[in-house]
Amino acid sequence: MPAVQTPQLKELHASFGAEITGLNFANGVTIEGQKMILDAVIKYGVVVVRSTGLTDETHVKLSRMFGELDDVKPYIKLGRPNRLKYDELFDVSNVEEDGTIVPDQSPRGAANKGNCLFHVDSSFNPRRAGYSLLLAHELPPPGNGGGLEYCDTRQAYAELDQETKDELARKDYVAAHSIHHSKKLAAPDWYADINPEDYPMGRHKLVQIHETSNRMNLYIATHIHHIEGLAPEKSQQIIDKLFTHCTQDKYRLSIDWQGVGDLVIWDNTSTMHRAVNGPFLYKYRRDMRRTTVHDSSSQAWGLNEHTNCRQGLP
């Protein structure tokens, strides 16, 4: 009989990030396995679980154990067909419904470029994302891109200078998040005629407590279009200053895929993330599928109306 492998956890960075090996769900998901991942992601913000043995079905089942799931219905409504079996799976691959690679010059090709900017999932919607669980189904050849990069926004806040902390506490800024803004930053020619101000934005406090760890956090992302109540120049000055601070090398962690079945889970309320750019975007097939767990904290809805209307692009 093969030896039973005991799950092992290894820290990946001085302040955040962890890797779990020996946790396999080929025979079904377990409460014990889910709790190990949950405890790790609360502490470390982002966790990669190697060789999980997950399928579409068990991926969705495991994700439901973390909370209520988002779905792709707004994207389908706007004309993007869903090649996957479950609406709870977000198709973040570069694969078309017929199996071909998404063309660079296409609506989906342009939209995919936004994934290469540091962001948090669904901050532009009335209810933001909590955890995201991304599973590798098909990977490009080694050395051809496709990895992920994260920023530790809790530690970044902790190491802000006191003058900036005092200003942020005194002003209690509200940031307006827009998917149209970040897409336009990533592909300005494609979205030249789109004005983000013509669409709803998600409103969230810029500084807030991360409730599960009881640490303060900068809730920042390239989705931020402006800070409310400020002149555009002042707003952009603050956004640029904080973004530059959060994306310093000392707050960044890169995670590479080792094989099909690897799962990365991250907390969108304590980290930013991006896809590492490279030839994988349009040269090699890359099949990645993500579930998104709605945030369940007291700040999940920010300052937004409690509505199921969400922003999506085909």
C-alpha atoms as a PDB file:
ATOM      1  CA  MET A   1       0.000   0.000   0.000  1.00  0.00           C
ATOM      2  CA  PRO A   2       1.350   3.490  -0.813  1.00  0.00           C
ATOM      3  CA  ALA A   3       2.222   5.641   2.189  1.00  0.00           C
ATOM      4  CA  VAL A   4      -0.363   8.238   3.220  1.00  0.00           C
ATOM      5  CA  GLN A   5       1.104  11.699   2.636  1.00  0.00           C
ATOM      6  CA  THR A   6       0.731  14.205   5.455  1.00  0.00           C
ATOM      7  CA  PRO A   7      -0.040  17.733   4.218  1.00  0.00           C
ATOM      8  CA  GLN A   8       2.835  20.141   4.725  1.00  0.00           C
ATOM      9  CA  LEU A   9       2.808  23.965   4.754  1.00  0.00           C
ATOM     10  CA  LYS A  10       5.775  26.139   3.798  1.00  0.00           C
ATOM     11  CA  GLU A  11       5.984  29.919   4.070  1.00  0.00           C
ATOM     12  CA  LEU A  12       6.942  31.662   0.815  1.00  0.00           C
ATOM     13  CA  HIS A  13       7.624  35.262   1.855  1.00  0.00           C
ATOM     14  CA  ALA A  14       8.648  37.215   4.926  1.00  0.00           C
ATOM     15  CA  SER A  15       5.166  38.648   5.435  1.00  0.00           C
ATOM     16  CA  PHE A  16       2.686  36.580   3.393  1.00  0.00           C
ATOM     17  CA  GLY A  17       2.177  33.640   1.042  1.00  0.00           C
ATOM     18  CA  ALA A  18       2.322  29.895   1.708  1.00  0.00           C
ATOM     19  CA  GLU A  19       2.504  26.597  -0.181  1.00  0.00           C
ATOM     20  CA  ILE A  20       0.695  23.398   0.806  1.00  0.00           C
ATOM     21  CA  THR A  21       1.799  20.004  -0.507  1.00  0.00           C
ATOM     22  CA  GLY A  22       0.322  16.577   0.147  1.00  0.00           C
ATOM     23  CA  LEU A  23      -3.310  17.767   0.204  1.00  0.00           C
ATOM     24  CA  ASN A  24      -5.166  15.856  -2.512  1.00  0.00           C
ATOM     25  CA  PHE A  25      -8.903  15.874  -3.248  1.00  0.00           C
ATOM     26  CA  ALA A  26      -8.993  13.149  -5.911  1.00  0.00           C
ATOM     27  CA  ASN A  27     -11.272  11.110  -3.639  1.00  0.00           C
ATOM     28  CA  GLY A  28     -13.470  14.052  -2.737  1.00  0.00           C
ATOM     29  CA  VAL A  29     -13.179  17.262  -0.750  1.00  0.00           C
ATOM     30  CA  THR A  30     -13.004  17.127   3.036  1.00  0.00           C
ATOM     31  CA  ILE A  31     -13.812  19.528   5.846  1.00  0.00           C
ATOM     32  CA  GLU A  32     -10.335  18.984   7.272  1.00  0.00           C
ATOM     33  CA  GLY A  33      -8.686  19.896   3.969  1.00  0.00           C
ATOM     34  CA  GLN A  34     -10.834  22.984   3.519  1.00  0.00           C
ATOM     35  CA  LYS A  35     -10.108  24.139   7.073  1.00  0.00           C
ATOM     36  CA  MET A  36      -6.358  23.817   6.532  1.00  0.00           C
ATOM     37  CA  ILE A  37      -6.600  26.013   3.435  1.00  0.00           C
ATOM     38  CA  LEU A  38      -8.897  28.526   5.166  1.00  0.00           C
ATOM     39  CA  ASP A  39      -6.624  28.912   8.189  1.00  0.00           C
ATOM     40  CA  ALA A  40      -3.638  29.388   5.884  1.00  0.00           C
ATOM     41  CA  VAL A  41      -5.262  31.974   3.609  1.00  0.00           C
ATOM     42  CA  ILE A  42      -6.480  34.038   6.591  1.00  0.00           C
ATOM     43  CA  LYS A  43      -2.922  34.215   7.910  1.00  0.00           C
ATOM     44  CA  TYR A  44      -0.918  34.357   4.671  1.00  0.00           C
ATOM     45  CA  GLY A  45      -3.320  36.056   2.213  1.00  0.00           C
ATOM     46  CA  VAL A  46      -2.405  33.767  -0.695  1.00  0.00           C
ATOM     47  CA  VAL A  47      -1.846  30.003  -0.712  1.00  0.00           C
ATOM     48  CA  VAL A  48      -0.844  27.631  -3.505  1.00  0.00           C
ATOM     49  CA  VAL A  49      -1.937  24.010  -3.090  1.00  0.00           C
ATOM     50  CA  ARG A  50       0.024  21.636  -5.305  1.00  0.00           C
ATOM     51  CA  SER A  51      -1.430  18.643  -7.184  1.00  0.00           C
ATOM     52  CA  THR A  52      -4.933  18.839  -5.743  1.00  0.00           C
ATOM     53  CA  GLY A  53      -6.636  16.302  -8.008  1.00  0.00           C
ATOM     54  CA  LEU A  54      -9.623  18.647  -8.285  1.00  0.00           C
ATOM     55  CA  THR A  55     -12.155  18.462 -11.129  1.00  0.00           C
ATOM     56  CA  ASP A  56     -14.678  21.115 -12.178  1.00  0.00           C
ATOM     57  CA  GLU A  57     -17.242  19.487  -9.895  1.00  0.00           C
ATOM     58  CA  THR A  58     -15.023  19.210  -6.818  1.00  0.00           C
ATOM     59  CA  HIS A  59     -13.537  22.653  -7.484  1.00  0.00           C
ATOM     60  CA  VAL A  60     -17.019  24.154  -7.193  1.00  0.00           C
ATOM     61  CA  LYS A  61     -17.862  21.945  -4.203  1.00  0.00           C
ATOM     62  CA  LEU A  62     -14.712  22.953  -2.316  1.00  0.00           C
ATOM     63  CA  SER A  63     -15.324  26.622  -3.131  1.00  0.00           C
ATOM     64  CA  ARG A  64     -18.864  26.499  -1.724  1.00  0.00           C
ATOM     65  CA  MET A  65     -17.357  25.521   1.631  1.00  0.00           C
ATOM     66  CA  PHE A  66     -15.802  29.006   1.786  1.00  0.00           C
ATOM     67  CA  GLY A  67     -19.101  30.836   1.212  1.00  0.00           C
ATOM     68  CA  GLU A  68     -21.627  31.996  -1.375  1.00  0.00           C
ATOM     69  CA  LEU A  69     -20.303  31.928  -4.942  1.00  0.00           C
ATOM     70  CA  ASP A  70     -20.410  34.540  -7.683  1.00  0.00           C
ATOM     71  CA  ASP A  71     -21.219  33.445 -11.255  1.00  0.00           C
ATOM     72  CA  VAL A  72     -20.650  34.473 -14.874  1.00  0.00           C
ATOM     73  CA  LYS A  73     -24.248  35.332 -15.753  1.00  0.00           C
ATOM     74  CA  PRO A  74     -23.543  39.063 -16.419  1.00  0.00           C
ATOM     75  CA  TYR A  75     -20.852  38.090 -18.936  1.00  0.00           C
ATOM     76  CA  ILE A  76     -23.134  35.598 -20.678  1.00  0.00           C
ATOM     77  CA  LYS A  77     -25.894  38.212 -20.788  1.00  0.00           C
ATOM     78  CA  LEU A  78     -23.545  40.570 -22.636  1.00  0.00           C
ATOM     79  CA  GLY A  79     -22.804  37.986 -25.306  1.00  0.00           C
ATOM     80  CA  ARG A  80     -19.884  35.887 -24.127  1.00  0.00           C
ATOM     81  CA  PRO A  81     -20.694  32.160 -24.454  1.00  0.00           C
ATOM     82  CA  ASN A  82     -19.770  29.883 -21.569  1.00  0.00           C
ATOM     83  CA  ARG A  83     -17.764  26.838 -22.679  1.00  0.00           C
ATOM     84  CA  LEU A  84     -17.715  25.463 -19.112  1.00  0.00           C
ATOM     85  CA  LYS A  85     -20.318  23.289 -17.433  1.00  0.00           C
ATOM     86  CA  TYR A  86     -20.877  25.402 -14.333  1.00  0.00           C
ATOM     87  CA  ASP A  87     -21.858  29.074 -14.229  1.00  0.00           C
ATOM     88  CA  GLU A  88     -19.855  29.365 -11.008  1.00  0.00           C
ATOM     89  CA  LEU A  89     -16.629  28.801 -12.977  1.00  0.00           C
ATOM     90  CA  PHE A  90     -15.044  31.925 -14.446  1.00  0.00           C
ATOM     91  CA  ASP A  91     -13.201  31.059 -17.654  1.00  0.00           C
ATOM     92  CA  VAL A  92      -9.946  33.016 -17.303  1.00  0.00           C
ATOM     93  CA  SER A  93      -8.189  31.020 -20.002  1.00  0.00           C
ATOM     94  CA  ASN A  94      -7.134  32.124 -23.463  1.00  0.00           C
ATOM     95  CA  VAL A  95      -9.183  29.340 -25.072  1.00  0.00           C
ATOM     96  CA  GLU A  96     -12.213  29.903 -27.296  1.00  0.00           C
ATOM     97  CA  GLU A  97     -15.311  27.726 -27.293  1.00  0.00           C
ATOM     98  CA  ASP A  98     -13.951  25.782 -30.308  1.00  0.00           C
ATOM     99  CA  GLY A  99     -10.588  25.173 -28.623  1.00  0.00           C
ATOM    100  CA  THR A 100      -8.595  27.787 -30.541  1.00  0.00           C
ATOM    101  CA  ILE A 101      -6.570  30.527 -28.851  1.00  0.00           C
ATOM    102  CA  VAL A 102      -8.306  33.860 -28.229  1.00  0.00           C
ATOM    103  CA  PRO A 103      -7.162  36.404 -30.857  1.00  0.00           C
ATOM    104  CA  ASP A 104      -5.208  39.392 -29.609  1.00  0.00           C
ATOM    105  CA  GLN A 105      -7.456  41.805 -31.495  1.00  0.00           C
ATOM    106  CA  SER A 106     -10.816  40.705 -30.124  1.00  0.00           C
ATOM    107  CA  PRO A 107     -13.084  41.903 -27.298  1.00  0.00           C
ATOM    108  CA  ARG A 108     -11.972  39.059 -25.067  1.00  0.00           C
ATOM    109  CA  GLY A 109      -8.323  39.471 -26.048  1.00  0.00           C
ATOM    110  CA  ALA A 110      -8.442  43.138 -25.089  1.00  0.00           C
ATOM    111  CA  ALA A 111     -10.275  42.404 -21.835  1.00  0.00           C
ATOM    112  CA  ASN A 112      -7.699  39.759 -20.862  1.00  0.00           C
ATOM    113  CA  LYS A 113      -4.974  42.408 -20.857  1.00  0.00           C
ATOM    114  CA  GLY A 114      -6.525  43.930 -17.756  1.00  0.00           C
ATOM    115  CA  ASN A 115      -5.558  40.792 -15.828  1.00  0.00           C
ATOM    116  CA  CYS A 116      -1.913  41.830 -16.175  1.00  0.00           C
ATOM    117  CA  LEU A 117      -2.478  44.908 -13.967  1.00  0.00           C
ATOM    118  CA  PHE A 118      -2.521  44.604 -10.174  1.00  0.00           C
ATOM    119  CA  HIS A 119      -6.140  44.332  -9.105  1.00  0.00           C
ATOM    120  CA  VAL A 120      -8.627  42.727  -6.756  1.00  0.00           C
ATOM    121  CA  ASP A 121     -11.583  40.747  -8.044  1.00  0.00           C
ATOM    122  CA  SER A 122     -15.059  42.309  -8.286  1.00  0.00           C
ATOM    123  CA  SER A 123     -14.353  45.538  -6.380  1.00  0.00           C
ATOM    124  CA  PHE A 124     -16.304  47.296  -9.157  1.00  0.00           C
ATOM    125  CA  ASN A 125     -19.470  45.360  -8.241  1.00  0.00           C
ATOM    126  CA  PRO A 126     -21.850  46.268  -5.407  1.00  0.00           C
ATOM    127  CA  ARG A 127     -20.694  43.217  -3.414  1.00  0.00           C
ATOM    128  CA  ARG A 128     -16.988  42.586  -3.651  1.00  0.00           C
ATOM    129  CA  ALA A 129     -15.124  39.302  -3.829  1.00  0.00           C
ATOM    130  CA  GLY A 130     -13.666  37.586  -0.790  1.00  0.00           C
ATOM    131  CA  TYR A 131     -11.677  34.526  -1.817  1.00  0.00           C
ATOM    132  CA  SER A 132     -10.769  33.491  -5.361  1.00  0.00           C
ATOM    133  CA  LEU A 133      -9.770  29.903  -6.167  1.00  0.00           C
ATOM    134  CA  LEU A 134      -7.910  29.424  -9.470  1.00  0.00           C
ATOM    135  CA  LEU A 135      -7.279  25.904 -10.795  1.00  0.00           C
ATOM    136  CA  ALA A 136      -4.852  24.980 -13.569  1.00  0.00           C
ATOM    137  CA  HIS A 137      -6.304  22.699 -16.285  1.00  0.00           C
ATOM    138  CA  GLU A 138      -3.770  23.292 -19.080  1.00  0.00           C
ATOM    139  CA  LEU A 139      -0.464  25.145 -18.904  1.00  0.00           C
ATOM    140  CA  PRO A 140       1.953  26.592 -21.474  1.00  0.00           C
ATOM    141  CA  PRO A 141       5.399  25.001 -21.747  1.00  0.00           C
ATOM    142  CA  PRO A 142       7.710  25.931 -18.851  1.00  0.00           C
ATOM    143  CA  GLY A 143       9.358  29.304 -19.300  1.00  0.00           C
ATOM    144  CA  ASN A 144       6.525  30.782 -21.360  1.00  0.00           C
ATOM    145  CA  GLY A 145       4.763  32.868 -18.743  1.00  0.00           C
ATOM    146  CA  GLY A 146       1.472  32.266 -17.046  1.00  0.00           C
ATOM    147  CA  GLY A 147       2.463  32.715 -13.416  1.00  0.00           C
ATOM    148  CA  LEU A 148       0.884  35.012 -10.852  1.00  0.00           C
ATOM    149  CA  GLU A 149       2.177  37.883  -8.758  1.00  0.00           C
ATOM    150  CA  TYR A 150       0.744  39.204  -5.494  1.00  0.00           C
ATOM    151  CA  CYS A 151       1.159  42.246  -3.255  1.00  0.00           C
ATOM    152  CA  ASP A 152       0.706  42.207   0.516  1.00  0.00           C
ATOM    153  CA  THR A 153      -1.495  45.246   1.161  1.00  0.00           C
ATOM    154  CA  ARG A 154      -1.783  44.553   4.903  1.00  0.00           C
ATOM    155  CA  GLN A 155       1.969  44.757   5.437  1.00  0.00           C
ATOM    156  CA  ALA A 156       2.146  47.713   3.051  1.00  0.00           C
ATOM    157  CA  TYR A 157      -0.304  49.605   5.255  1.00  0.00           C
ATOM    158  CA  ALA A 158       1.590  48.630   8.418  1.00  0.00           C
ATOM    159  CA  GLU A 159       4.785  50.159   7.030  1.00  0.00           C
ATOM    160  CA  LEU A 160       3.313  53.426   5.765  1.00  0.00           C
ATOM    161  CA  ASP A 161       4.859  56.528   7.300  1.00  0.00           C
ATOM    162  CA  GLN A 162       2.892  57.880  10.251  1.00  0.00           C
ATOM    163  CA  GLU A 163       2.008  61.150   8.533  1.00  0.00           C
ATOM    164  CA  THR A 164       0.288  59.283   5.694  1.00  0.00           C
ATOM    165  CA  LYS A 165      -1.495  56.972   8.137  1.00  0.00           C
ATOM    166  CA  ASP A 166      -2.776  59.968  10.062  1.00  0.00           C
ATOM    167  CA  GLU A 167      -4.046  61.629   6.878  1.00  0.00           C
ATOM    168  CA  LEU A 168      -5.813  58.461   5.739  1.00  0.00           C
ATOM    169  CA  ALA A 169      -7.443  58.025   9.154  1.00  0.00           C
ATOM    170  CA  ARG A 170      -8.533  61.660   9.300  1.00  0.00           C
ATOM    171  CA  LYS A 171      -9.920  61.824   5.760  1.00  0.00           C
ATOM    172  CA  ASP A 172     -11.420  58.292   5.663  1.00  0.00           C
ATOM    173  CA  TYR A 173     -11.333  58.315   1.863  1.00  0.00           C
ATOM    174  CA  VAL A 174     -13.845  56.455  -0.318  1.00  0.00           C
ATOM    175  CA  ALA A 175     -12.515  55.082  -3.611  1.00  0.00           C
ATOM    176  CA  ALA A 176     -14.654  54.467  -6.712  1.00  0.00           C
ATOM    177  CA  HIS A 177     -13.757  51.227  -8.533  1.00  0.00           C
ATOM    178  CA  SER A 178     -14.506  50.730 -12.237  1.00  0.00           C
ATOM    179  CA  ILE A 179     -13.811  47.727 -14.481  1.00  0.00           C
ATOM    180  CA  HIS A 180     -14.091  50.032 -17.488  1.00  0.00           C
ATOM    181  CA  HIS A 181     -11.322  52.211 -16.067  1.00  0.00           C
ATOM    182  CA  SER A 182      -8.871  49.326 -15.574  1.00  0.00           C
ATOM    183  CA  LYS A 183      -9.660  47.789 -18.961  1.00  0.00           C
ATOM    184  CA  LYS A 184      -9.061  51.162 -20.577  1.00  0.00           C
ATOM    185  CA  LEU A 185      -5.699  51.454 -18.807  1.00  0.00           C
ATOM    186  CA  ALA A 186      -4.679  48.032 -20.113  1.00  0.00           C
ATOM    187  CA  ALA A 187      -5.975  48.443 -23.678  1.00  0.00           C
ATOM    188  CA  PRO A 188      -6.438  52.183 -24.323  1.00  0.00           C
ATOM    189  CA  ASP A 189      -6.900  51.927 -28.083  1.00  0.00           C
ATOM    190  CA  TRP A 190      -9.580  49.249 -27.822  1.00  0.00           C
ATOM    191  CA  TYR A 191     -11.561  51.149 -25.169  1.00  0.00           C
ATOM    192  CA  ALA A 192     -10.844  54.671 -26.462  1.00  0.00           C
ATOM    193  CA  ASP A 193     -14.541  55.499 -26.857  1.00  0.00           C
ATOM    194  CA  ILE A 194     -15.575  54.228 -23.415  1.00  0.00           C
ATOM    195  CA  ASN A 195     -16.023  56.736 -20.592  1.00  0.00           C
ATOM    196  CA  PRO A 196     -15.921  54.942 -17.214  1.00  0.00           C
ATOM    197  CA  GLU A 197     -18.046  57.685 -15.699  1.00  0.00           C
ATOM    198  CA  ASP A 198     -20.975  56.510 -17.837  1.00  0.00           C
ATOM    199  CA  TYR A 199     -21.160  53.285 -15.808  1.00  0.00           C
ATOM    200  CA  PRO A 200     -21.790  52.376 -12.157  1.00  0.00           C
ATOM    201  CA  MET A 201     -18.760  52.086  -9.876  1.00  0.00           C
ATOM    202  CA  GLY A 202     -18.145  50.174  -6.677  1.00  0.00           C
ATOM    203  CA  ARG A 203     -17.596  52.450  -3.663  1.00  0.00           C
ATOM    204  CA  HIS A 204     -15.291  51.186  -0.906  1.00  0.00           C
ATOM    205  CA  LYS A 205     -13.264  52.671   1.940  1.00  0.00           C
ATOM    206  CA  LEU A 206      -9.625  53.031   0.957  1.00  0.00           C
ATOM    207  CA  VAL A 207      -8.407  52.013   4.420  1.00  0.00           C
ATOM    208  CA  GLN A 208     -10.307  49.382   6.365  1.00  0.00           C
ATOM    209  CA  ILE A 209      -9.826  46.629   8.890  1.00  0.00           C
ATOM    210  CA  HIS A 210      -9.317  43.111   7.573  1.00  0.00           C
ATOM    211  CA  GLU A 211     -11.749  41.438   9.914  1.00  0.00           C
ATOM    212  CA  THR A 212     -10.565  37.817   9.900  1.00  0.00           C
ATOM    213  CA  SER A 213      -6.985  38.780  10.838  1.00  0.00           C
ATOM    214  CA  ASN A 214      -7.840  42.005  12.733  1.00  0.00           C
ATOM    215  CA  ARG A 215      -5.179  43.909  10.768  1.00  0.00           C
ATOM    216  CA  MET A 216      -5.531  47.196   8.913  1.00  0.00           C
ATOM    217  CA  ASN A 217      -5.439  47.016   5.131  1.00  0.00           C
ATOM    218  CA  LEU A 218      -5.169  49.255   2.072  1.00  0.00           C
ATOM    219  CA  TYR A 219      -7.998  48.216  -0.248  1.00  0.00           C
ATOM    220  CA  ILE A 220      -6.404  49.397  -3.476  1.00  0.00           C
ATOM    221  CA  ALA A 221      -6.356  48.249  -7.098  1.00  0.00           C
ATOM    222  CA  THR A 222      -6.050  49.537 -10.656  1.00  0.00           C
ATOM    223  CA  HIS A 223      -9.855  49.442 -10.753  1.00  0.00           C
ATOM    224  CA  ILE A 224      -9.820  52.687  -8.721  1.00  0.00           C
ATOM    225  CA  HIS A 225     -10.969  55.504 -10.981  1.00  0.00           C
ATOM    226  CA  HIS A 226     -10.943  58.285  -8.389  1.00  0.00           C
ATOM    227  CA  ILE A 227     -11.217  59.149  -4.713  1.00  0.00           C
ATOM    228  CA  GLU A 228     -14.510  60.810  -3.916  1.00  0.00           C
ATOM    229  CA  GLY A 229     -14.591  64.466  -2.923  1.00  0.00           C
ATOM    230  CA  LEU A 230     -11.157  65.332  -4.310  1.00  0.00           C
ATOM    231  CA  ALA A 231     -10.042  67.234  -7.376  1.00  0.00           C
ATOM    232  CA  PRO A 232      -8.828  64.823 -10.093  1.00  0.00           C
ATOM    233  CA  GLU A 233      -5.177  65.866  -9.671  1.00  0.00           C
ATOM    234  CA  LYS A 234      -5.191  65.373  -5.892  1.00  0.00           C
ATOM    235  CA  SER A 235      -7.088  62.101  -6.221  1.00  0.00           C
ATOM    236  CA  GLN A 236      -4.582  60.696  -8.714  1.00  0.00           C
ATOM    237  CA  GLN A 237      -1.656  61.894  -6.594  1.00  0.00           C
ATOM    238  CA  ILE A 238      -2.867  59.870  -3.600  1.00  0.00           C
ATOM    239  CA  ILE A 239      -3.691  56.802  -5.703  1.00  0.00           C
ATOM    240  CA  ASP A 240      -0.262  56.862  -7.374  1.00  0.00           C
ATOM    241  CA  LYS A 241       1.555  57.316  -4.061  1.00  0.00           C
ATOM    242  CA  LEU A 242      -0.202  54.395  -2.372  1.00  0.00           C
ATOM    243  CA  PHE A 243       0.001  52.153  -5.426  1.00  0.00           C
ATOM    244  CA  THR A 244       3.733  52.763  -5.779  1.00  0.00           C
ATOM    245  CA  HIS A 245       4.180  51.991  -2.093  1.00  0.00           C
ATOM    246  CA  CYS A 246       2.171  48.742  -2.213  1.00  0.00           C
ATOM    247  CA  THR A 247       3.932  47.398  -5.310  1.00  0.00           C
ATOM    248  CA  GLN A 248       7.474  47.666  -3.962  1.00  0.00           C
ATOM    249  CA  ASP A 249       9.510  44.475  -4.331  1.00  0.00           C
ATOM    250  CA  LYS A 250       9.434  43.805  -0.585  1.00  0.00           C
ATOM    251  CA  TYR A 251       5.646  43.396  -0.702  1.00  0.00           C
ATOM    252  CA  ARG A 252       5.568  41.212  -3.842  1.00  0.00           C
ATOM    253  CA  LEU A 253       5.437  37.447  -4.274  1.00  0.00           C
ATOM    254  CA  SER A 254       5.557  35.466  -7.538  1.00  0.00           C
ATOM    255  CA  ILE A 255       3.927  32.048  -7.787  1.00  0.00           C
ATOM    256  CA  ASP A 256       4.635  29.710 -10.696  1.00  0.00           C
ATOM    257  CA  TRP A 257       2.531  26.762 -11.743  1.00  0.00           C
ATOM    258  CA  GLN A 258       4.215  23.362 -11.382  1.00  0.00           C
ATOM    259  CA  GLY A 259       1.529  21.267 -13.027  1.00  0.00           C
ATOM    260  CA  VAL A 260      -2.106  20.668 -13.868  1.00  0.00           C
ATOM    261  CA  GLY A 261      -4.166  20.432 -10.698  1.00  0.00           C
ATOM    262  CA  ASP A 262      -2.340  23.197  -8.852  1.00  0.00           C
ATOM    263  CA  LEU A 263      -4.757  25.509  -7.044  1.00  0.00           C
ATOM    264  CA  VAL A 264      -4.079  29.071  -5.900  1.00  0.00           C
ATOM    265  CA  ILE A 265      -6.454  30.698  -3.438  1.00  0.00           C
ATOM    266  CA  TRP A 266      -6.142  34.322  -2.396  1.00  0.00           C
ATOM    267  CA  ASP A 267      -7.987  36.838  -0.275  1.00  0.00           C
ATOM    268  CA  ASN A 268      -8.990  39.845  -2.377  1.00  0.00           C
ATOM    269  CA  THR A 269      -9.512  41.888   0.805  1.00  0.00           C
ATOM    270  CA  SER A 270      -5.853  41.660   1.874  1.00  0.00           C
ATOM    271  CA  THR A 271      -3.857  41.226  -1.357  1.00  0.00           C
ATOM    272  CA  MET A 272      -3.643  42.489  -4.937  1.00  0.00           C
ATOM    273  CA  HIS A 273      -2.762  40.164  -7.805  1.00  0.00           C
ATOM    274  CA  ARG A 274      -1.974  40.086 -11.509  1.00  0.00           C
ATOM    275  CA  ALA A 275      -1.149  37.595 -14.254  1.00  0.00           C
ATOM    276  CA  VAL A 276       2.519  37.771 -15.210  1.00  0.00           C
ATOM    277  CA  ASN A 277       2.626  38.923 -18.819  1.00  0.00           C
ATOM    278  CA  GLY A 278       4.304  36.846 -21.471  1.00  0.00           C
ATOM    279  CA  PRO A 279       3.851  34.907 -24.707  1.00  0.00           C
ATOM    280  CA  PHE A 280       1.310  32.659 -22.994  1.00  0.00           C
ATOM    281  CA  LEU A 281      -1.364  35.273 -23.646  1.00  0.00           C
ATOM    282  CA  TYR A 282      -1.664  34.541 -27.348  1.00  0.00           C
ATOM    283  CA  LYS A 283       0.903  31.886 -28.283  1.00  0.00           C
ATOM    284  CA  TYR A 284       0.101  28.849 -26.126  1.00  0.00           C
ATOM    285  CA  ARG A 285      -3.141  27.441 -24.778  1.00  0.00           C
ATOM    286  CA  ARG A 286      -3.670  28.246 -21.127  1.00  0.00           C
ATOM    287  CA  ASP A 287      -6.784  26.840 -19.476  1.00  0.00           C
ATOM    288  CA  MET A 288      -7.440  28.323 -16.040  1.00  0.00           C
ATOM    289  CA  ARG A 289     -10.776  28.229 -14.204  1.00  0.00           C
ATOM    290  CA  ARG A 290     -11.655  30.355 -11.195  1.00  0.00           C
ATOM    291  CA  THR A 291     -14.386  30.390  -8.616  1.00  0.00           C
ATOM    292  CA  THR A 292     -15.081  33.600  -6.718  1.00  0.00           C
ATOM    293  CA  VAL A 293     -16.476  33.588  -3.190  1.00  0.00           C
ATOM    294  CA  HIS A 294     -18.529  36.641  -2.251  1.00  0.00           C
ATOM    295  CA  ASP A 295     -17.073  38.544   0.685  1.00  0.00           C
ATOM    296  CA  SER A 296     -19.078  37.934   3.854  1.00  0.00           C
ATOM    297  CA  SER A 297     -17.498  40.575   6.092  1.00  0.00           C
ATOM    298  CA  SER A 298     -19.337  43.674   7.296  1.00  0.00           C
ATOM    299  CA  GLN A 299     -17.554  45.619   4.526  1.00  0.00           C
ATOM    300  CA  ALA A 300     -18.587  43.289   1.700  1.00  0.00           C
ATOM    301  CA  TRP A 301     -20.994  45.801   0.167  1.00  0.00           C
ATOM    302  CA  GLY A 302     -18.847  48.854   0.822  1.00  0.00           C
ATOM    303  CA  LEU A 303     -21.032  51.956   0.453  1.00  0.00           C
ATOM    304  CA  ASN A 304     -23.054  50.398  -2.366  1.00  0.00           C
ATOM    305  CA  GLU A 305     -26.718  49.600  -2.816  1.00  0.00           C
ATOM    306  CA  HIS A 306     -27.492  45.960  -2.066  1.00  0.00           C
ATOM    307  CA  THR A 307     -28.321  44.844  -5.580  1.00  0.00           C
ATOM    308  CA  ASN A 308     -27.461  41.896  -7.813  1.00  0.00           C
ATOM    309  CA  CYS A 309     -26.614  44.182 -10.747  1.00  0.00           C
ATOM    310  CA  ARG A 310     -22.993  43.566 -11.695  1.00  0.00           C
ATOM    311  CA  GLN A 311     -20.634  45.010 -14.259  1.00  0.00           C
ATOM    312  CA  GLY A 312     -19.338  42.676 -16.936  1.00  0.00           C
ATOM    313  CA  LEU A 313     -17.701  42.738 -20.339  1.00  0.00           C
ATOM    314  CA  PRO A 314     -18.154  40.169 -23.109  1.00  0.00           C
END
